[in-house]
C-alpha cells in the first residue's frame, strides 16, 4: 500500500499530539524553560516532516521525536556562554545523549509531573494556567483552546505567551515541590483540571450545553496526574468525580442538543464503564473536597431511577463539604438535596438565607433553583419571575432556551 505524503503528515501530527507533553517535559528538564522547550519540540516535528518521507516512519516515532528534540536542546545549551554551569546542573543528561530508542519511562513520568506543576504555578492567573495546561499537557492548538472558551485566538495566544514569560521572569524551577509548597501547588493543579472539565460539562456561554472534547482532555489529565501521584488521595478523588460526571454526558442533551434535566435523563445511556472506573478511583480517594463531591456523584450513579436517589445521604455529604470548603454555591446545592429529602419549603429556606451573598449576585442558578422550588410549592407567578431572571443572566443559549420554556410552562399551567 502506498502511503501519501499527506497521510504521513496527518499520522505524524497525531503522534506528536499524543507525545508532545512528554517531549516538552523531557526538553524542559534540559533547558529549564517551558517556552523554549515547546519551540524545540515544534522544531523536532518540522524535522520529522522533512525527514520521514525520505527515510520512512521509524518503528518508534515518539522516541525519534524525543531524541531529536533532546539533541537540539543540548546543542542550544552548548551554544550558550553558561554551558559549563548548565552542564553541572543537569549532569549526565547533557553529557550522555541516548541513541534513538524508547526513553526511560520512569524518568519521563517524573518530567511530566514537573511540567504540570510548572504549567499550574500560582504565579499565573487561573485563566493563564488553564490555557498553558491545555497547550502543554493537552496538546491543543491555540485555535482549539480559543474555540473551547469562546475567546479570540489572539487573546489565547497572548495569554500563553505572557504565561511563559511570567514563568521565565519568576525563574520558576522545573521541579516537583515538596512539603507545604507541594500541598498548595497540588491544589492549583487539581483546580485547573476541575475548571477545564466543568467548562466542558456545563459551558458558561455559547450555543452548546456540553463540550465533550474539553471533558475528555480534563479527564485524561486527571488520570495522568493520579498515575504520577498514586499516594495523593485528592488526585484519585478528582478522577472519581470526573469519571462519574463524564458517565452522564451522553444523556445530558437531547437529539437537537437541548438540555435534559437529571430527573428526565435516560439512565440506560449512562456509561457503566466510566461509573465502574469512578467507583475504583473512589476507593483510593480520601476525605477532601473532590473526594466528597465524588461520593455525591456516586450516589447519583448508584440510583437506577431518579426516584431511588439517596437524597438524605447527599445532603449529609454536602454538609460535610460545606464544613470543609464553605461556599454559597455548595450551600445552594445542599438546599436542592434538602428540598428532595425534606420538601421544597425546607430547601427554599436555605436558598433565601444565601440569596444576598455577593458571590451569587450574577449566578443564574440561584434564581433557577429558587424558581424550581417555588414552582413545586405551587407559587407559579413567583416561579415564573425567577425563571425569567435566570434566563436573562445565563450566557449559554441552551440553558436560556430551557429556562424560557419553563417560563412558558408556568404561564400555561393552571
Protein backbone atom coordinates (compact mmCIF):
# COMPACT_ATOMS: atom_id res chain seq x y z
CA UNK A 1 0.00 0.00 0.00
CA UNK A 2 1.30 3.44 -0.94
CA UNK A 3 1.26 5.99 1.87
CA UNK A 4 0.78 9.52 0.57
CA UNK A 5 2.74 12.45 1.96
CA UNK A 6 -0.50 13.96 3.24
CA UNK A 7 -1.45 10.77 5.10
CA UNK A 8 2.05 10.53 6.58
CA UNK A 9 1.88 14.15 7.77
CA UNK A 10 -1.52 13.55 9.36
CA UNK A 11 -0.17 10.45 11.08
CA UNK A 12 2.88 12.36 12.32
CA UNK A 13 0.74 15.18 13.69
CA UNK A 14 -1.40 12.62 15.53
CA UNK A 15 1.73 11.07 17.06
CA UNK A 16 3.03 14.49 18.02
CA UNK A 17 -0.24 15.41 19.73
CA UNK A 18 -0.02 12.26 21.84
CA UNK A 19 3.68 12.61 22.62
CA UNK A 20 4.05 16.40 22.79
CA UNK A 21 3.63 16.69 26.56
CA UNK A 22 6.34 14.10 27.21
CA UNK A 23 8.67 15.69 24.65
CA UNK A 24 8.21 19.19 26.08
CA UNK A 25 8.68 17.83 29.60
CA UNK A 26 11.87 15.99 28.66
CA UNK A 27 13.32 19.03 26.89
CA UNK A 28 12.27 21.43 29.67
CA UNK A 29 14.36 19.42 32.12
CA UNK A 30 17.37 20.33 29.98
CA UNK A 31 16.69 23.96 29.05
CA UNK A 32 14.68 24.88 32.20
CA UNK A 33 12.23 26.99 30.20
CA UNK A 34 8.85 25.66 29.03
CA UNK A 35 8.59 28.27 26.27
CA UNK A 36 11.89 27.28 24.72
CA UNK A 37 11.06 23.61 25.29
CA UNK A 38 7.83 23.94 23.29
CA UNK A 39 9.67 25.66 20.43
CA UNK A 40 12.26 22.88 20.33
CA UNK A 41 9.51 20.25 20.32
CA UNK A 42 7.94 22.02 17.34
CA UNK A 43 11.36 22.05 15.62
CA UNK A 44 11.52 18.27 16.08
CA UNK A 45 8.13 17.96 14.43
CA UNK A 46 9.32 20.00 11.44
CA UNK A 47 12.44 17.83 11.23
CA UNK A 48 10.28 14.71 11.11
CA UNK A 49 8.05 16.16 8.40
CA UNK A 50 11.18 16.80 6.32
CA UNK A 51 12.99 13.52 7.06
CA UNK A 52 10.38 10.77 7.23
CA UNK A 53 9.21 10.93 3.60
CA UNK A 54 12.82 10.06 2.66
CA UNK A 55 13.79 7.67 5.47
CA UNK A 56 10.40 6.19 6.26
CA UNK A 57 8.49 6.31 9.53
CA UNK A 58 10.65 4.91 12.39
CA UNK A 59 9.44 1.94 14.42
CA UNK A 60 9.04 4.18 17.46
CA UNK A 61 8.04 7.66 16.21
CA UNK A 62 7.68 9.08 19.71
CA UNK A 63 11.21 8.04 20.66
CA UNK A 64 12.57 9.55 17.42
CA UNK A 65 10.90 12.88 18.17
CA UNK A 66 12.09 12.80 21.78
CA UNK A 67 15.69 12.06 20.85
CA UNK A 68 15.71 14.70 18.11
CA UNK A 69 14.29 17.32 20.45
CA UNK A 70 16.79 16.45 23.20
CA UNK A 71 19.71 16.69 20.76
CA UNK A 72 18.53 20.17 19.71
CA UNK A 73 18.08 21.20 23.34
CA UNK A 74 21.60 20.08 24.16
CA UNK A 75 23.00 21.94 21.16
CA UNK A 76 21.21 25.08 22.30
CA UNK A 77 22.63 24.84 25.81
CA UNK A 78 26.11 24.19 24.47
CA UNK A 79 25.92 27.35 22.40
CA UNK A 80 25.23 29.43 25.44
CA UNK A 81 28.01 31.05 27.40
CA UNK A 82 26.67 29.41 30.54
CA UNK A 83 27.12 25.90 29.18
CA UNK A 84 29.54 24.85 31.88
CA UNK A 85 27.12 25.86 34.64
CA UNK A 86 24.22 24.17 32.90
CA UNK A 87 26.31 21.04 32.43
CA UNK A 88 26.98 20.93 36.15
CA UNK A 89 23.28 21.39 36.93
CA UNK A 90 21.89 18.67 34.71
CA UNK A 91 24.90 16.37 34.80
CA UNK A 92 24.83 13.35 32.59
CA UNK A 93 21.63 14.46 30.83
CA UNK A 94 23.80 16.68 28.65
CA UNK A 95 26.96 14.60 28.58
CA UNK A 96 25.43 11.25 27.67
CA UNK A 97 22.84 11.61 24.93
CA UNK A 98 20.94 8.34 24.43
CA UNK A 99 20.55 6.84 20.96
CA UNK A 100 17.21 6.98 19.18
CA UNK A 101 15.39 4.36 21.24
CA UNK A 102 12.44 4.29 23.63
CA UNK A 103 13.09 6.73 26.50
CA UNK A 104 13.18 5.71 30.14
CA UNK A 105 9.52 5.67 31.19
CA UNK A 106 10.12 6.43 34.83
CA UNK A 107 12.21 9.49 34.04
CA UNK A 108 9.66 10.77 31.55
CA UNK A 109 6.87 10.39 34.10
CA UNK A 110 8.92 12.46 36.52
CA UNK A 111 9.30 15.11 33.83
CA UNK A 112 5.56 15.11 33.13
CA UNK A 113 4.85 15.65 36.79
CA UNK A 114 7.28 18.58 36.85
CA UNK A 115 5.69 20.04 33.72
CA UNK A 116 2.14 20.00 35.06
CA UNK A 117 3.27 21.66 38.29
CA UNK A 118 5.02 24.37 36.29
CA UNK A 119 2.04 24.94 33.98
CA UNK A 120 -0.24 25.34 37.03
CA UNK A 121 2.12 27.52 39.06
CA UNK A 122 0.30 30.06 41.30
CA UNK A 123 2.37 32.89 39.78
CA UNK A 124 -0.04 32.61 36.83
CA UNK A 125 -3.68 33.65 36.80
CA UNK A 126 -6.27 30.84 36.66
CA UNK A 127 -7.05 31.67 33.02
CA UNK A 128 -3.36 31.53 32.12
CA UNK A 129 -2.91 28.21 33.94
CA UNK A 130 -5.82 26.70 32.04
CA UNK A 131 -4.58 27.90 28.65
CA UNK A 132 -1.00 26.82 29.27
CA UNK A 133 -2.02 23.42 30.68
CA UNK A 134 -4.21 22.68 27.67
CA UNK A 135 -1.41 23.79 25.37
CA UNK A 136 1.46 21.89 27.01
CA UNK A 137 -0.26 18.92 28.63
CA UNK A 138 -3.37 18.59 26.47
CA UNK A 139 -1.67 19.14 23.13
CA UNK A 140 -4.41 21.53 22.00
CA UNK A 141 -3.67 24.19 19.40
CA UNK A 142 -4.21 27.87 20.14
CA UNK A 143 -7.24 27.85 17.87
CA UNK A 144 -8.77 24.84 19.66
CA UNK A 145 -8.35 26.46 23.08
CA UNK A 146 -9.84 29.72 21.78
CA UNK A 147 -12.88 27.95 20.34
CA UNK A 148 -13.37 25.91 23.51
CA UNK A 149 -13.51 29.00 25.72
CA UNK A 150 -15.21 31.28 23.17
CA UNK A 151 -12.49 33.89 23.04
CA UNK A 152 -10.40 35.09 20.11
CA UNK A 153 -7.33 33.18 19.01
CA UNK A 154 -5.06 36.25 19.51
CA UNK A 155 -6.34 36.54 23.10
CA UNK A 156 -5.38 32.93 23.86
CA UNK A 157 -2.05 33.32 22.03
CA UNK A 158 -1.20 36.40 24.10
CA UNK A 159 -2.30 34.63 27.28
CA UNK A 160 0.01 31.71 26.58
CA UNK A 161 2.95 33.95 25.62
CA UNK A 162 2.52 36.02 28.80
CA UNK A 163 2.28 32.86 30.89
CA UNK A 164 5.58 31.54 29.51
CA UNK A 165 7.20 34.94 30.04
CA UNK A 166 5.92 35.14 33.61
CA UNK A 167 7.33 31.71 34.42
CA UNK A 168 10.70 32.67 32.95
CA UNK A 169 10.81 36.04 34.73
CA UNK A 170 9.85 34.46 38.05
CA UNK A 171 12.55 31.82 37.46
CA UNK A 172 10.09 29.09 38.40
CA UNK A 173 12.18 25.94 38.90
CA UNK A 174 11.39 22.88 36.81
CA UNK A 175 10.75 20.62 39.77
CA UNK A 176 8.06 19.00 41.87
CA UNK A 177 7.62 20.99 45.10
CA UNK A 178 7.59 19.33 48.50
CA UNK A 179 6.10 19.97 51.93
CA UNK A 180 3.66 22.84 52.28
CA UNK A 181 4.57 24.18 48.82
CA UNK A 182 3.57 20.89 47.28
CA UNK A 183 0.21 20.86 49.06
CA UNK A 184 -0.54 24.36 47.77
CA UNK A 185 0.58 23.53 44.23
CA UNK A 186 -1.36 20.24 44.12
CA UNK A 187 -4.47 22.25 44.91
CA UNK A 188 -3.69 24.56 41.96
CA UNK A 189 -3.16 21.63 39.58
CA UNK A 190 -6.38 19.91 40.63
CA UNK A 191 -8.31 23.16 40.37
CA UNK A 192 -7.18 23.76 36.78
CA UNK A 193 -8.19 20.28 35.68
CA UNK A 194 -11.52 20.65 37.52
CA UNK A 195 -12.23 24.01 35.86
CA UNK A 196 -11.41 22.65 32.41
CA UNK A 197 -13.79 19.73 32.92
CA UNK A 198 -16.57 21.94 34.27
CA UNK A 199 -16.36 24.24 31.25
CA UNK A 200 -16.86 21.20 29.05
CA UNK A 201 -19.60 19.70 31.22
CA UNK A 202 -21.68 22.86 31.55
CA UNK A 203 -20.43 25.57 29.20
CA UNK A 204 -20.73 29.07 30.63
CA UNK A 205 -21.56 30.57 27.24
CA UNK A 206 -22.21 29.74 23.62
CA UNK A 207 -24.71 27.55 21.78
CA UNK A 208 -23.67 24.16 23.20
CA UNK A 209 -24.52 22.97 26.68
CA UNK A 210 -21.75 20.37 26.66
CA UNK A 211 -18.30 20.33 25.04
CA UNK A 212 -17.25 16.66 25.30
CA UNK A 213 -13.76 17.34 23.95
CA UNK A 214 -12.86 19.51 26.92
CA UNK A 215 -14.24 16.89 29.31
CA UNK A 216 -12.10 14.23 27.62
CA UNK A 217 -8.98 16.40 27.86
CA UNK A 218 -9.56 17.14 31.55
CA UNK A 219 -10.29 13.52 32.38
CA UNK A 220 -7.14 12.40 30.59
CA UNK A 221 -5.07 14.95 32.53
CA UNK A 222 -6.65 13.82 35.80
CA UNK A 223 -5.84 10.20 35.06
CA UNK A 224 -2.25 11.11 34.18
CA UNK A 225 -1.84 13.08 37.42
CA UNK A 226 -3.29 10.27 39.55
CA UNK A 227 -0.95 7.82 37.85
CA UNK A 228 2.03 10.07 38.54
CA UNK A 229 0.94 10.70 42.15
CA UNK A 230 -0.54 7.38 43.35
CA UNK A 231 -0.25 8.40 47.02
CA UNK A 232 -2.24 11.64 46.58
CA UNK A 233 -5.85 10.88 47.71
CA UNK A 234 -7.37 14.03 46.22
CA UNK A 235 -5.94 13.20 42.79
CA UNK A 236 -7.92 9.96 42.92
CA UNK A 237 -10.89 11.87 44.31
CA UNK A 238 -10.84 14.18 41.30
CA UNK A 239 -10.53 11.24 38.89
CA UNK A 240 -13.52 9.58 40.57
CA UNK A 241 -15.58 12.76 40.34
CA UNK A 242 -14.79 13.33 36.67
CA UNK A 243 -15.39 9.66 35.76
CA UNK A 244 -18.84 9.78 37.37
CA UNK A 245 -19.70 13.12 35.77
CA UNK A 246 -18.42 12.06 32.36
CA UNK A 247 -20.57 8.93 32.53
CA UNK A 248 -23.70 11.11 32.20
CA UNK A 249 -22.63 13.30 29.28
CA UNK A 250 -24.45 11.36 26.56
CA UNK A 251 -27.73 11.64 28.48
CA UNK A 252 -27.44 15.35 29.33
CA UNK A 253 -28.64 16.54 25.94
CA UNK A 254 -31.43 15.53 23.58
CA UNK A 255 -31.36 14.88 19.81
CA UNK A 256 -31.01 18.56 18.93
CA UNK A 257 -28.65 19.46 21.76
CA UNK A 258 -31.33 20.63 24.17
CA UNK A 259 -30.59 20.14 27.90
CA UNK A 260 -32.12 17.14 29.64
CA UNK A 261 -32.55 17.61 33.39
CA UNK A 262 -31.22 14.94 35.76
CA UNK A 263 -34.73 13.76 36.67
CA UNK A 264 -35.56 13.20 33.00
CA UNK A 265 -32.35 11.55 31.81
CA UNK A 266 -32.40 8.08 30.28
CA UNK A 267 -30.07 6.34 32.70
CA UNK A 268 -29.51 3.45 30.32
CA UNK A 269 -27.38 5.96 28.37
CA UNK A 270 -25.10 6.49 31.36
CA UNK A 271 -21.70 4.93 30.67
CA UNK A 272 -21.37 1.99 33.07
CA UNK A 273 -17.67 1.55 32.29
CA UNK A 274 -16.91 5.10 33.44
CA UNK A 275 -19.07 4.57 36.53
CA UNK A 276 -17.03 1.46 37.30
CA UNK A 277 -13.79 3.38 36.89
CA UNK A 278 -15.15 6.12 39.12
CA UNK A 279 -16.01 3.58 41.82
CA UNK A 280 -12.49 2.14 41.66
CA UNK A 281 -10.91 5.58 41.95
CA UNK A 282 -13.20 6.46 44.85
CA UNK A 283 -11.76 3.53 46.83
CA UNK A 284 -8.35 5.25 46.66
CA UNK A 285 -9.71 8.73 47.44
CA UNK A 286 -9.65 10.48 50.80
CA UNK A 287 -11.99 12.88 52.53
CA UNK A 288 -11.06 16.11 50.73
CA UNK A 289 -13.43 18.30 48.70
CA UNK A 290 -13.05 16.44 45.39
CA UNK A 291 -13.47 13.11 47.17
CA UNK A 292 -16.66 14.34 48.84
CA UNK A 293 -18.02 15.59 45.52
CA UNK A 294 -17.15 12.21 44.03
CA UNK A 295 -19.10 10.49 46.81
CA UNK A 296 -22.09 12.69 45.95
CA UNK A 297 -21.76 11.80 42.27
CA UNK A 298 -21.56 8.13 43.27
CA UNK A 299 -24.93 8.42 45.00
CA UNK A 300 -26.46 9.53 41.70
CA UNK A 301 -24.61 6.84 39.74
CA UNK A 302 -25.87 4.09 42.05
CA UNK A 303 -29.53 5.09 41.66
CA UNK A 304 -31.19 3.03 38.94
CA UNK A 305 -34.05 5.54 38.80
CA UNK A 306 -34.19 9.19 39.81
CA UNK A 307 -36.71 8.22 42.49
CA UNK A 308 -34.13 5.86 44.04
CA UNK A 309 -31.60 8.65 44.73
CA UNK A 310 -30.47 8.77 48.35
CA UNK A 311 -31.01 12.49 48.84
CA UNK A 312 -30.54 12.24 52.62
CA UNK A 313 -27.02 10.88 52.12
CA UNK A 314 -26.31 13.56 49.53
CA UNK A 315 -27.46 16.29 51.92
CA UNK A 316 -25.15 14.92 54.61
CA UNK A 317 -22.22 14.88 52.17
CA UNK A 318 -22.93 18.47 51.17
CA UNK A 319 -22.95 19.44 54.84
CA UNK A 320 -19.51 17.84 55.21
CA UNK A 321 -18.32 19.63 52.07
CA UNK A 322 -19.67 22.91 53.40
CA UNK A 323 -17.72 22.42 56.65
CA UNK A 324 -14.55 21.72 54.66
CA UNK A 325 -14.89 24.41 51.98
CA UNK A 326 -17.57 26.95 52.96
CA UNK A 327 -19.21 28.35 49.84
CA UNK A 328 -22.63 29.77 48.96
CA UNK A 329 -22.60 27.59 45.83
CA UNK A 330 -22.13 24.46 47.94
CA UNK A 331 -24.91 25.66 50.23
CA UNK A 332 -27.16 26.16 47.21
CA UNK A 333 -26.51 22.58 46.16
CA UNK A 334 -27.24 21.42 49.70
CA UNK A 335 -30.54 23.28 49.51
CA UNK A 336 -31.52 21.22 46.46
CA UNK A 337 -30.68 17.98 48.29
CA UNK A 338 -32.62 19.12 51.36
CA UNK A 339 -35.61 20.03 49.17
CA UNK A 340 -35.63 16.49 47.78
CA UNK A 341 -35.30 14.81 51.18
CA UNK A 342 -37.36 17.15 53.38
CA UNK A 343 -39.52 19.08 50.91
CA UNK A 344 -39.25 22.28 48.83
CA UNK A 345 -40.09 24.58 51.76
CA UNK A 346 -37.03 23.38 53.68
CA UNK A 347 -34.85 23.90 50.60
CA UNK A 348 -36.27 27.36 49.94
CA UNK A 349 -35.43 28.44 53.46
CA UNK A 350 -31.75 27.66 52.82
CA UNK A 351 -31.81 29.35 49.40
CA UNK A 352 -33.27 32.54 50.83
CA UNK A 353 -30.59 32.54 53.54
CA UNK A 354 -27.81 32.76 50.91
CA UNK A 355 -29.67 34.88 48.33
CA UNK A 356 -27.82 38.07 49.26
CA UNK A 357 -24.33 36.54 49.11
CA UNK A 358 -22.15 38.70 46.79
CA UNK A 359 -20.70 35.57 45.16
CA UNK A 360 -24.18 34.64 43.90
CA UNK A 361 -25.06 38.09 42.56
CA UNK A 362 -24.61 37.07 38.90
CA UNK A 363 -25.06 33.33 39.37
CA UNK A 364 -28.01 32.32 37.21
CA UNK A 365 -28.53 29.03 39.06
CA UNK A 366 -29.67 30.91 42.18
CA UNK A 367 -32.94 32.20 40.61
CA UNK A 368 -33.19 28.95 38.63
CA UNK A 369 -33.16 26.83 41.79
CA UNK A 370 -35.42 29.26 43.61
CA UNK A 371 -37.88 29.19 40.70
CA UNK A 372 -37.95 25.39 40.76
CA UNK A 373 -38.69 25.31 44.50
CA UNK A 374 -41.40 27.94 44.18
CA UNK A 375 -42.99 26.02 41.32
CA UNK A 376 -43.03 22.85 43.42
CA UNK A 377 -44.73 24.86 46.17
CA UNK A 378 -47.44 25.95 43.74
CA UNK A 379 -46.31 29.59 43.60
CA UNK A 380 -46.41 29.82 39.79
CA UNK A 381 -46.22 33.61 39.42
CA UNK A 382 -43.17 33.95 41.66
CA UNK A 383 -41.54 30.94 39.96
CA UNK A 384 -42.04 32.47 36.52
CA UNK A 385 -40.34 35.67 37.65
CA UNK A 386 -37.33 33.70 38.91
CA UNK A 387 -37.02 31.71 35.67
CA UNK A 388 -37.14 34.93 33.65
CA UNK A 389 -34.42 36.40 35.83
CA UNK A 390 -32.25 33.30 35.41
CA UNK A 391 -32.76 33.33 31.64
CA UNK A 392 -31.58 36.93 31.47
CA UNK A 393 -28.44 36.09 33.43
CA UNK A 394 -27.12 32.98 31.68
CA UNK A 395 -24.79 33.33 28.69
CA UNK A 396 -25.45 29.80 27.46
CA UNK A 397 -28.02 29.68 24.66
CA UNK A 398 -29.25 26.18 25.52
CA UNK A 399 -29.76 26.98 29.19
CA UNK A 400 -31.61 30.16 28.26
CA UNK A 401 -33.95 28.19 25.98
CA UNK A 402 -34.68 25.70 28.77
CA UNK A 403 -35.43 28.45 31.27
CA UNK A 404 -37.70 30.28 28.84
CA UNK A 405 -39.60 27.03 28.24
CA UNK A 406 -40.17 26.84 31.97
CA UNK A 407 -41.46 30.40 31.88
CA UNK A 408 -43.95 29.42 29.16
CA UNK A 409 -44.95 26.30 31.01
CA UNK A 410 -45.65 28.23 34.21
CA UNK A 411 -47.85 30.64 32.22
CA UNK A 412 -49.91 27.88 30.63
CA UNK A 413 -50.32 25.74 33.75
CA UNK A 414 -53.34 26.38 35.99
